Amino acid sequence: MALVLVLGGLIVLSVISIGLLSLASRAVTVGTVEVDRARATALVEGAIEAATLALFAPDGRLRFQKTGGEGVMDVAGQPITVRVRDACGLWDLNQGDPAIFSRLLKRLGAADPALSVDALIAARGVEAGLLSVDQLRGLPGIDADLFRALRSNVTVNCRADRVDPDFASTALLTAIPGLTPDQAEMIIRQRREGLVDPPLLASSSAYLAPGPGQTYEITAAKAFGPGSRVFRRAEITLTHQPKAPYRVLTWSRLE
């Protein structure tokens, strides 16, 4: 009986020890992930700042245009990939031509593009118009999946009715009236070489125009392992004022 009691006690102690070790291991894992996320956050935010400053260089806009909007920023010895686009490389919710929005919705699989277009035009009639891309969520016909697809192609900060072909995505270019999918792909290829052939844009000149190079969308992401991925999106406008050379319009954290 004494032996049974001793063995039972040893089993209980073993279970407790294993449980404590498991908790300690889990705490170390959680701590490591938090440290990795903090490192990733610092690097991503630093990369966005570096990309913003790079835009002030004489060839800053051209640098990102030639690479399809992508660039690599060195932050504390870590290469961080950023994506930079003139805000007019997106379709403006308040000023953009509704024909482009309708075609974009159709391309992205909207069941009834006309319903969403009509609702957007009505929303534009409100005194302040649309103040945020997130307001698309409230329009009829735009569900969560469609909103996610639209989010990377629209803005409220271009304030122009045309799209900048130097920074527009393939999806947005193929929504431009007069451009075929093949022509859209050709524009993507040509701008990597630093110049888009003007005749290629002629048939859609009513919908395309270079952006003013004043407001940009900058995104960056970094991960050091599972659970540590950090993604940031910023929209900034270059003021060229000595004390505040740029201003952050929006700053989004999408983990």
Protein backbone atom coordinates (compact mmCIF):
# COMPACT_ATOMS: atom_id res chain seq x y z
CA MET A 1 0.00 0.00 0.00
CA ALA A 2 2.83 2.38 0.88
CA LEU A 3 4.48 1.65 -2.48
CA VAL A 4 1.23 2.39 -4.32
CA LEU A 5 0.88 5.70 -2.48
CA VAL A 6 4.48 6.66 -3.30
CA LEU A 7 4.00 5.80 -6.97
CA GLY A 8 0.75 7.75 -7.05
CA GLY A 9 2.48 10.76 -5.55
CA LEU A 10 5.26 10.55 -8.12
CA ILE A 11 2.71 10.42 -10.93
CA VAL A 12 0.94 13.52 -9.57
CA LEU A 13 4.25 15.38 -9.26
CA SER A 14 5.20 14.36 -12.81
CA VAL A 15 1.90 15.66 -14.19
CA ILE A 16 2.33 18.96 -12.32
CA SER A 17 5.91 19.30 -13.55
CA ILE A 18 4.91 18.63 -17.16
CA GLY A 19 2.12 21.18 -16.86
CA LEU A 20 4.48 23.81 -15.48
CA LEU A 21 7.02 23.14 -18.21
CA SER A 22 4.28 23.42 -20.84
CA LEU A 23 3.12 26.76 -19.42
CA ALA A 24 6.69 28.04 -19.30
CA SER A 25 7.29 26.95 -22.90
CA ARG A 26 4.07 28.60 -24.03
CA ALA A 27 5.03 31.82 -22.22
CA VAL A 28 8.42 31.84 -23.94
CA THR A 29 6.73 31.29 -27.33
CA VAL A 30 4.23 34.11 -26.76
CA GLY A 31 7.02 36.39 -25.59
CA THR A 32 9.09 35.61 -28.68
CA VAL A 33 6.15 36.38 -30.99
CA GLU A 34 5.54 39.70 -29.25
CA VAL A 35 9.20 40.64 -29.60
CA ASP A 36 9.12 39.66 -33.29
CA ARG A 37 5.97 41.75 -33.85
CA ALA A 38 7.57 44.75 -32.16
CA ARG A 39 10.65 44.40 -34.38
CA ALA A 40 8.49 44.01 -37.50
CA THR A 41 6.41 47.06 -36.56
CA ALA A 42 9.49 49.25 -36.13
CA LEU A 43 10.95 48.11 -39.44
CA VAL A 44 7.71 48.51 -41.42
CA GLU A 45 6.99 51.97 -40.08
CA GLY A 46 10.60 52.98 -40.67
CA ALA A 47 10.35 51.73 -44.27
CA ILE A 48 7.27 53.87 -44.90
CA GLU A 49 9.10 56.91 -43.53
CA ALA A 50 12.13 56.14 -45.73
CA ALA A 51 9.94 55.73 -48.83
CA THR A 52 8.25 59.05 -48.09
CA LEU A 53 11.60 60.83 -47.92
CA ALA A 54 12.71 59.10 -51.13
CA LEU A 55 9.82 60.77 -52.96
CA PHE A 56 11.46 64.17 -52.41
CA ALA A 57 14.42 63.17 -54.61
CA PRO A 58 14.34 64.60 -58.17
CA ASP A 59 13.79 61.11 -59.59
CA GLY A 60 11.73 59.85 -56.65
CA ARG A 61 8.48 59.34 -58.56
CA LEU A 62 10.25 57.80 -61.56
CA ARG A 63 12.14 55.40 -59.29
CA PHE A 64 8.93 53.77 -58.10
CA GLN A 65 7.13 54.08 -61.42
CA LYS A 66 9.78 52.05 -63.27
CA THR A 67 9.52 49.18 -60.80
CA GLY A 68 5.75 48.98 -60.84
CA GLY A 69 5.57 50.94 -57.61
CA GLU A 70 7.83 48.61 -55.64
CA GLY A 71 11.02 49.57 -53.89
CA VAL A 72 13.32 48.19 -51.21
CA MET A 73 14.18 50.36 -48.20
CA ASP A 74 17.11 49.55 -45.94
CA VAL A 75 16.05 49.97 -42.33
CA ALA A 76 18.61 49.10 -39.66
CA GLY A 77 20.28 46.71 -42.08
CA GLN A 78 17.01 44.96 -42.96
CA PRO A 79 15.67 45.19 -46.54
CA ILE A 80 11.95 46.01 -46.42
CA THR A 81 9.85 45.96 -49.58
CA VAL A 82 7.44 48.88 -49.94
CA ARG A 83 4.81 49.64 -52.55
CA VAL A 84 4.33 53.27 -53.53
CA ARG A 85 1.57 54.60 -55.76
CA ASP A 86 0.44 58.07 -56.70
CA ALA A 87 -3.05 58.39 -55.20
CA CYS A 88 -4.33 59.00 -58.73
CA GLY A 89 -3.12 55.53 -59.64
CA LEU A 90 -6.33 54.61 -57.78
CA TRP A 91 -9.91 55.51 -58.71
CA ASP A 92 -11.27 58.44 -56.70
CA LEU A 93 -14.63 57.74 -55.05
CA ASN A 94 -15.74 61.37 -55.20
CA GLN A 95 -14.38 62.52 -58.56
CA GLY A 96 -13.70 59.38 -60.63
CA ASP A 97 -15.71 58.61 -63.77
CA PRO A 98 -18.58 56.24 -62.82
CA ALA A 99 -18.01 54.27 -66.04
CA ILE A 100 -14.66 53.09 -64.65
CA PHE A 101 -16.22 52.11 -61.33
CA SER A 102 -18.94 50.13 -63.06
CA ARG A 103 -16.44 48.19 -65.17
CA LEU A 104 -14.19 47.62 -62.14
CA LEU A 105 -17.11 46.21 -60.14
CA LYS A 106 -18.02 43.90 -63.01
CA ARG A 107 -14.43 42.70 -63.34
CA LEU A 108 -14.28 41.96 -59.61
CA GLY A 109 -17.46 39.88 -59.76
CA ALA A 110 -20.19 42.21 -58.49
CA ALA A 111 -23.64 40.72 -59.01
CA ASP A 112 -25.31 44.07 -59.83
CA PRO A 113 -22.74 46.81 -60.59
CA ALA A 114 -25.46 49.36 -61.47
CA LEU A 115 -26.92 49.11 -57.95
CA SER A 116 -23.60 50.03 -56.33
CA VAL A 117 -22.81 52.75 -58.88
CA ASP A 118 -26.18 54.45 -58.33
CA ALA A 119 -25.69 54.31 -54.56
CA LEU A 120 -22.20 55.80 -54.87
CA ILE A 121 -23.46 58.68 -57.03
CA ALA A 122 -26.14 59.39 -54.42
CA ALA A 123 -23.50 59.37 -51.66
CA ARG A 124 -21.45 61.88 -53.63
CA GLY A 125 -24.39 64.26 -53.43
CA VAL A 126 -24.03 64.57 -49.67
CA GLU A 127 -22.31 67.84 -48.72
CA ALA A 128 -18.97 66.30 -47.67
CA GLY A 129 -19.07 63.39 -50.11
CA LEU A 130 -17.21 60.24 -49.12
CA LEU A 131 -14.50 60.86 -46.53
CA SER A 132 -13.11 57.33 -46.32
CA VAL A 133 -12.81 54.26 -48.49
CA ASP A 134 -14.36 52.31 -45.61
CA GLN A 135 -17.70 53.96 -46.41
CA LEU A 136 -17.97 51.63 -49.40
CA ARG A 137 -18.93 48.93 -46.91
CA GLY A 138 -22.29 50.61 -46.43
CA LEU A 139 -23.24 50.67 -50.10
CA PRO A 140 -25.72 48.07 -51.38
CA GLY A 141 -24.21 45.26 -53.42
CA ILE A 142 -20.75 45.53 -51.82
CA ASP A 143 -20.11 42.63 -49.47
CA ALA A 144 -16.94 41.93 -47.46
CA ASP A 145 -15.19 40.04 -50.27
CA LEU A 146 -15.94 42.68 -52.88
CA PHE A 147 -14.82 45.45 -50.51
CA ARG A 148 -11.46 43.75 -49.96
CA ALA A 149 -10.95 43.53 -53.72
CA LEU A 150 -11.97 47.17 -54.22
CA ARG A 151 -9.91 48.52 -51.33
CA SER A 152 -6.61 48.32 -53.21
CA ASN A 153 -8.00 50.13 -56.26
CA VAL A 154 -9.88 53.12 -54.87
CA THR A 155 -9.14 56.25 -52.84
CA VAL A 156 -10.64 59.54 -51.63
CA ASN A 157 -7.36 61.45 -51.94
CA CYS A 158 -6.81 61.76 -55.70
CA ARG A 159 -9.48 64.44 -56.25
CA ALA A 160 -9.41 63.99 -60.02
CA ASP A 161 -11.69 62.26 -62.49
CA ARG A 162 -8.90 60.41 -64.31
CA VAL A 163 -6.56 57.54 -63.44
CA ASP A 164 -2.76 57.72 -63.53
CA PRO A 165 -1.59 54.95 -65.92
CA ASP A 166 1.91 55.07 -64.41
CA PHE A 167 0.68 53.58 -61.13
CA ALA A 168 -2.70 51.92 -61.78
CA SER A 169 -3.04 48.18 -61.16
CA THR A 170 -3.76 45.71 -63.94
CA ALA A 171 -7.31 45.27 -62.62
CA LEU A 172 -7.95 49.02 -62.73
CA LEU A 173 -6.37 49.48 -66.16
CA THR A 174 -8.57 46.76 -67.64
CA ALA A 175 -11.58 48.69 -66.28
CA ILE A 176 -10.66 51.75 -68.33
CA PRO A 177 -13.01 52.13 -71.34
CA GLY A 178 -11.08 51.67 -74.56
CA LEU A 179 -8.28 49.53 -73.08
CA THR A 180 -8.15 45.80 -73.72
CA PRO A 181 -6.57 43.38 -71.21
CA ASP A 182 -3.61 42.96 -73.58
CA GLN A 183 -3.10 46.71 -73.75
CA ALA A 184 -3.29 46.96 -69.97
CA GLU A 185 -0.56 44.34 -69.64
CA MET A 186 1.54 46.21 -72.21
CA ILE A 187 1.26 49.41 -70.18
CA ILE A 188 2.49 47.54 -67.12
CA ARG A 189 5.49 46.22 -69.05
CA GLN A 190 6.33 49.56 -70.68
CA ARG A 191 6.25 51.62 -67.52
CA ARG A 192 8.89 49.34 -65.99
CA GLU A 193 11.11 50.66 -68.77
CA GLY A 194 10.31 54.23 -67.73
CA LEU A 195 8.00 55.26 -70.54
CA VAL A 196 4.53 54.32 -71.74
CA ASP A 197 3.99 54.71 -75.48
CA PRO A 198 1.54 57.69 -75.92
CA PRO A 199 -0.37 56.09 -78.84
CA LEU A 200 -1.22 53.20 -76.53
CA LEU A 201 -3.07 55.62 -74.24
CA ALA A 202 -4.68 57.70 -76.98
CA SER A 203 -7.91 55.67 -77.20
CA SER A 204 -8.53 56.18 -73.47
CA SER A 205 -7.19 59.70 -73.03
CA ALA A 206 -10.54 60.86 -71.60
CA TYR A 207 -10.01 58.52 -68.64
CA LEU A 208 -6.22 58.61 -68.13
CA ALA A 209 -3.84 61.35 -67.02
CA PRO A 210 -0.59 61.51 -65.01
CA GLY A 211 -1.10 62.15 -61.32
CA PRO A 212 0.04 65.43 -59.77
CA GLY A 213 2.75 63.70 -57.74
CA GLN A 214 1.52 65.20 -54.50
CA THR A 215 -0.37 62.45 -52.64
CA TYR A 216 0.78 58.84 -52.41
CA GLU A 217 -0.30 55.52 -50.93
CA ILE A 218 2.58 53.59 -49.32
CA THR A 219 2.29 50.02 -48.00
CA ALA A 220 4.80 47.70 -46.34
CA ALA A 221 4.75 44.36 -44.53
CA LYS A 222 7.21 42.24 -42.54
CA ALA A 223 7.15 38.97 -40.60
CA PHE A 224 9.80 37.11 -38.62
CA GLY A 225 7.75 33.95 -38.18
CA PRO A 226 4.22 32.66 -37.50
CA GLY A 227 2.02 35.22 -35.76
CA SER A 228 4.44 38.12 -36.20
CA ARG A 229 3.32 39.58 -39.54
CA VAL A 230 2.75 43.33 -39.50
CA PHE A 231 1.17 45.28 -42.38
CA ARG A 232 0.81 49.04 -42.62
CA ARG A 233 -0.81 51.31 -45.21
CA ALA A 234 -0.30 55.08 -45.20
CA GLU A 235 -1.55 57.86 -47.43
CA ILE A 236 0.68 60.91 -47.32
CA THR A 237 0.70 64.25 -49.09
CA LEU A 238 3.89 66.17 -49.84
CA THR A 239 3.54 69.74 -48.58
CA HIS A 240 7.17 70.81 -49.25
CA GLN A 241 6.96 73.06 -46.19
CA PRO A 242 10.29 73.33 -44.32
CA LYS A 243 8.84 72.58 -40.88
CA ALA A 244 6.43 69.86 -42.05
CA PRO A 245 7.43 68.62 -45.53
CA TYR A 246 4.70 65.99 -45.60
CA ARG A 247 1.43 65.19 -43.87
CA VAL A 248 -0.07 61.77 -43.07
CA LEU A 249 -3.69 61.61 -44.29
CA THR A 250 -4.49 58.04 -43.22
CA TRP A 251 -2.61 55.31 -41.37
CA SER A 252 -4.06 51.80 -41.38
CA ARG A 253 -2.99 48.75 -39.40
CA LEU A 254 -4.06 45.56 -41.14
CA GLU A 255 -2.56 42.54 -39.39
